[in-house]
Amino acid sequence: MNSLTPAISPTPGGAQPVDVRLMGEDRSVRALVAALQQSASCGLATYKPMRDGNGTRAYLSVVVPLSPAPNP
């Protein structure tokens, strides 16, 4: 398990990373993280046991593209 919080630098064009915390059953959390990493610009996830010991917490950063400016 990685104990460091992931960090992603802002991308050119001003898109900013959003820090995300996922909580749930270990296999489901890891599957969702893998899907996000394949389909979006994400950093590596850190995994920790949930405080009650019944599942996993994952922390990762996702770069969300800026939405285009609306037309007047």
N, C-alpha and C. Protein backbone atom coordinates (compact mmCIF):
# COMPACT_ATOMS: atom_id res chain seq x y z
N MET A 1 0.83 -1.18 0.00
CA MET A 1 0.00 0.00 0.00
C MET A 1 0.88 1.24 0.00
N ASN A 2 0.51 2.20 -0.77
CA ASN A 2 1.21 3.46 -0.85
C ASN A 2 0.62 4.39 0.20
N SER A 3 1.43 5.04 1.02
CA SER A 3 0.92 5.90 2.07
C SER A 3 0.99 7.37 1.73
N LEU A 4 1.46 7.70 0.54
CA LEU A 4 1.55 9.11 0.15
C LEU A 4 0.33 9.52 -0.65
N THR A 5 -0.14 10.72 -0.41
CA THR A 5 -1.27 11.25 -1.17
C THR A 5 -0.78 11.61 -2.57
N PRO A 6 -1.47 11.13 -3.62
CA PRO A 6 -1.01 11.42 -4.98
C PRO A 6 -1.21 12.89 -5.31
N ALA A 7 -0.38 13.39 -6.20
CA ALA A 7 -0.52 14.77 -6.65
C ALA A 7 -0.32 14.81 -8.15
N ILE A 8 -1.13 15.58 -8.80
CA ILE A 8 -1.02 15.79 -10.24
C ILE A 8 -0.91 17.29 -10.47
N SER A 9 0.00 17.70 -11.31
CA SER A 9 0.14 19.12 -11.62
C SER A 9 -0.96 19.56 -12.58
N PRO A 10 -1.34 20.83 -12.52
CA PRO A 10 -2.31 21.33 -13.50
C PRO A 10 -1.80 21.09 -14.92
N THR A 11 -2.72 20.85 -15.82
CA THR A 11 -2.34 20.60 -17.21
C THR A 11 -2.36 21.91 -17.99
N PRO A 12 -1.68 21.94 -19.14
CA PRO A 12 -1.74 23.14 -19.97
C PRO A 12 -3.19 23.44 -20.34
N GLY A 13 -3.52 24.71 -20.41
CA GLY A 13 -4.88 25.10 -20.73
C GLY A 13 -5.72 25.34 -19.49
N GLY A 14 -5.13 25.13 -18.32
CA GLY A 14 -5.82 25.50 -17.10
C GLY A 14 -6.64 24.43 -16.41
N ALA A 15 -6.72 23.21 -16.94
CA ALA A 15 -7.46 22.17 -16.25
C ALA A 15 -6.80 21.91 -14.90
N GLN A 16 -7.60 21.67 -13.90
CA GLN A 16 -7.08 21.49 -12.54
C GLN A 16 -7.40 20.10 -12.02
N PRO A 17 -6.51 19.55 -11.19
CA PRO A 17 -6.81 18.26 -10.59
C PRO A 17 -7.87 18.40 -9.49
N VAL A 18 -8.67 17.38 -9.34
CA VAL A 18 -9.67 17.29 -8.29
C VAL A 18 -9.30 16.08 -7.44
N ASP A 19 -9.17 16.30 -6.14
CA ASP A 19 -8.85 15.19 -5.25
C ASP A 19 -10.12 14.42 -4.93
N VAL A 20 -10.06 13.09 -5.04
CA VAL A 20 -11.23 12.23 -4.88
C VAL A 20 -10.95 11.20 -3.79
N ARG A 21 -11.95 10.94 -2.96
CA ARG A 21 -11.86 9.87 -1.97
C ARG A 21 -12.99 8.89 -2.26
N LEU A 22 -12.65 7.64 -2.40
CA LEU A 22 -13.63 6.58 -2.63
C LEU A 22 -13.63 5.67 -1.41
N MET A 23 -14.79 5.19 -1.02
CA MET A 23 -14.88 4.27 0.11
C MET A 23 -15.84 3.15 -0.25
N GLY A 24 -15.47 1.94 0.10
CA GLY A 24 -16.35 0.81 -0.15
C GLY A 24 -15.61 -0.51 -0.04
N GLU A 25 -16.25 -1.54 -0.55
CA GLU A 25 -15.68 -2.88 -0.54
C GLU A 25 -14.39 -2.86 -1.37
N ASP A 26 -13.35 -3.52 -0.87
CA ASP A 26 -12.01 -3.43 -1.46
C ASP A 26 -12.00 -3.70 -2.95
N ARG A 27 -12.58 -4.80 -3.39
CA ARG A 27 -12.53 -5.17 -4.81
C ARG A 27 -13.24 -4.13 -5.68
N SER A 28 -14.36 -3.62 -5.21
CA SER A 28 -15.11 -2.61 -5.98
C SER A 28 -14.35 -1.30 -6.08
N VAL A 29 -13.74 -0.87 -4.97
CA VAL A 29 -12.97 0.37 -4.98
C VAL A 29 -11.79 0.25 -5.95
N ARG A 30 -11.08 -0.85 -5.88
CA ARG A 30 -9.92 -1.04 -6.77
C ARG A 30 -10.34 -1.13 -8.24
N ALA A 31 -11.50 -1.75 -8.51
CA ALA A 31 -11.99 -1.83 -9.89
C ALA A 31 -12.36 -0.44 -10.42
N LEU A 32 -13.00 0.38 -9.57
CA LEU A 32 -13.37 1.73 -9.99
C LEU A 32 -12.12 2.58 -10.23
N VAL A 33 -11.13 2.48 -9.36
CA VAL A 33 -9.88 3.22 -9.55
C VAL A 33 -9.23 2.81 -10.87
N ALA A 34 -9.18 1.52 -11.16
CA ALA A 34 -8.57 1.04 -12.41
C ALA A 34 -9.33 1.59 -13.61
N ALA A 35 -10.66 1.61 -13.55
CA ALA A 35 -11.46 2.14 -14.66
C ALA A 35 -11.20 3.63 -14.83
N LEU A 36 -11.12 4.37 -13.74
CA LEU A 36 -10.83 5.81 -13.83
C LEU A 36 -9.45 6.05 -14.43
N GLN A 37 -8.47 5.26 -14.03
CA GLN A 37 -7.13 5.45 -14.54
C GLN A 37 -7.03 5.13 -16.02
N GLN A 38 -7.87 4.24 -16.52
CA GLN A 38 -7.86 3.91 -17.95
C GLN A 38 -8.59 4.95 -18.78
N SER A 39 -9.61 5.60 -18.21
CA SER A 39 -10.45 6.48 -19.01
C SER A 39 -10.23 7.96 -18.75
N ALA A 40 -9.48 8.32 -17.72
CA ALA A 40 -9.28 9.73 -17.38
C ALA A 40 -7.81 9.96 -17.05
N SER A 41 -7.47 11.21 -16.90
CA SER A 41 -6.11 11.56 -16.50
C SER A 41 -6.05 11.55 -14.98
N CYS A 42 -5.56 10.43 -14.44
CA CYS A 42 -5.52 10.24 -12.99
C CYS A 42 -4.10 9.93 -12.54
N GLY A 43 -3.86 10.27 -11.30
CA GLY A 43 -2.61 9.87 -10.68
C GLY A 43 -2.76 8.48 -10.08
N LEU A 44 -1.71 8.03 -9.44
CA LEU A 44 -1.78 6.76 -8.75
C LEU A 44 -2.66 6.91 -7.52
N ALA A 45 -3.35 5.86 -7.16
CA ALA A 45 -4.22 5.89 -5.98
C ALA A 45 -3.44 5.41 -4.76
N THR A 46 -3.82 5.94 -3.62
CA THR A 46 -3.35 5.40 -2.35
C THR A 46 -4.53 4.67 -1.72
N TYR A 47 -4.26 3.53 -1.13
CA TYR A 47 -5.31 2.71 -0.53
C TYR A 47 -5.05 2.58 0.97
N LYS A 48 -6.10 2.71 1.75
CA LYS A 48 -6.02 2.55 3.20
C LYS A 48 -7.26 1.80 3.66
N PRO A 49 -7.15 1.04 4.74
CA PRO A 49 -8.36 0.38 5.25
C PRO A 49 -9.32 1.43 5.80
N MET A 50 -10.61 1.14 5.70
CA MET A 50 -11.60 2.04 6.28
C MET A 50 -11.45 2.01 7.79
N ARG A 51 -11.86 3.06 8.44
CA ARG A 51 -11.66 3.18 9.89
C ARG A 51 -12.34 2.07 10.67
N ASP A 52 -13.48 1.58 10.15
CA ASP A 52 -14.15 0.50 10.87
C ASP A 52 -13.60 -0.87 10.48
N GLY A 53 -12.61 -0.88 9.58
CA GLY A 53 -11.98 -2.13 9.16
C GLY A 53 -12.79 -2.95 8.19
N ASN A 54 -13.88 -2.38 7.66
CA ASN A 54 -14.77 -3.14 6.79
C ASN A 54 -14.78 -2.53 5.39
N GLY A 55 -13.63 -2.55 4.72
CA GLY A 55 -13.56 -2.01 3.37
C GLY A 55 -12.29 -1.23 3.16
N THR A 56 -12.26 -0.47 2.07
CA THR A 56 -11.05 0.25 1.65
C THR A 56 -11.39 1.69 1.30
N ARG A 57 -10.46 2.58 1.63
CA ARG A 57 -10.53 3.96 1.17
C ARG A 57 -9.45 4.13 0.11
N ALA A 58 -9.78 4.83 -0.95
CA ALA A 58 -8.80 5.14 -1.98
C ALA A 58 -8.79 6.65 -2.18
N TYR A 59 -7.61 7.20 -2.34
CA TYR A 59 -7.45 8.63 -2.60
C TYR A 59 -6.70 8.77 -3.92
N LEU A 60 -7.20 9.62 -4.80
CA LEU A 60 -6.52 9.87 -6.05
C LEU A 60 -6.88 11.24 -6.57
N SER A 61 -6.13 11.73 -7.52
CA SER A 61 -6.41 13.01 -8.16
C SER A 61 -6.81 12.75 -9.60
N VAL A 62 -7.87 13.44 -10.02
CA VAL A 62 -8.37 13.32 -11.38
C VAL A 62 -8.32 14.70 -12.01
N VAL A 63 -7.73 14.81 -13.21
CA VAL A 63 -7.72 16.09 -13.90
C VAL A 63 -9.01 16.22 -14.69
N VAL A 64 -9.76 17.25 -14.34
CA VAL A 64 -11.04 17.52 -15.01
C VAL A 64 -10.81 18.61 -16.03
N PRO A 65 -11.09 18.33 -17.32
CA PRO A 65 -10.89 19.35 -18.34
C PRO A 65 -11.83 20.53 -18.12
N LEU A 66 -11.38 21.70 -18.50
CA LEU A 66 -12.25 22.86 -18.43
C LEU A 66 -13.36 22.72 -19.44
N SER A 67 -14.56 23.08 -19.05
CA SER A 67 -15.66 23.04 -20.02
C SER A 67 -15.53 24.24 -20.94
N PRO A 68 -15.94 24.08 -22.20
CA PRO A 68 -15.84 25.21 -23.13
C PRO A 68 -16.74 26.36 -22.68
N ALA A 69 -16.32 27.57 -23.01
CA ALA A 69 -17.11 28.75 -22.66
C ALA A 69 -18.45 28.71 -23.39
N PRO A 70 -19.54 29.05 -22.70
CA PRO A 70 -20.85 29.04 -23.37
C PRO A 70 -20.94 30.13 -24.43
N ASN A 71 -21.66 29.84 -25.49
CA ASN A 71 -21.85 30.83 -26.55
C ASN A 71 -22.92 31.83 -26.12
N PRO A 72 -22.67 33.13 -26.34
CA PRO A 72 -23.66 34.15 -25.93
C PRO A 72 -24.88 34.16 -26.80
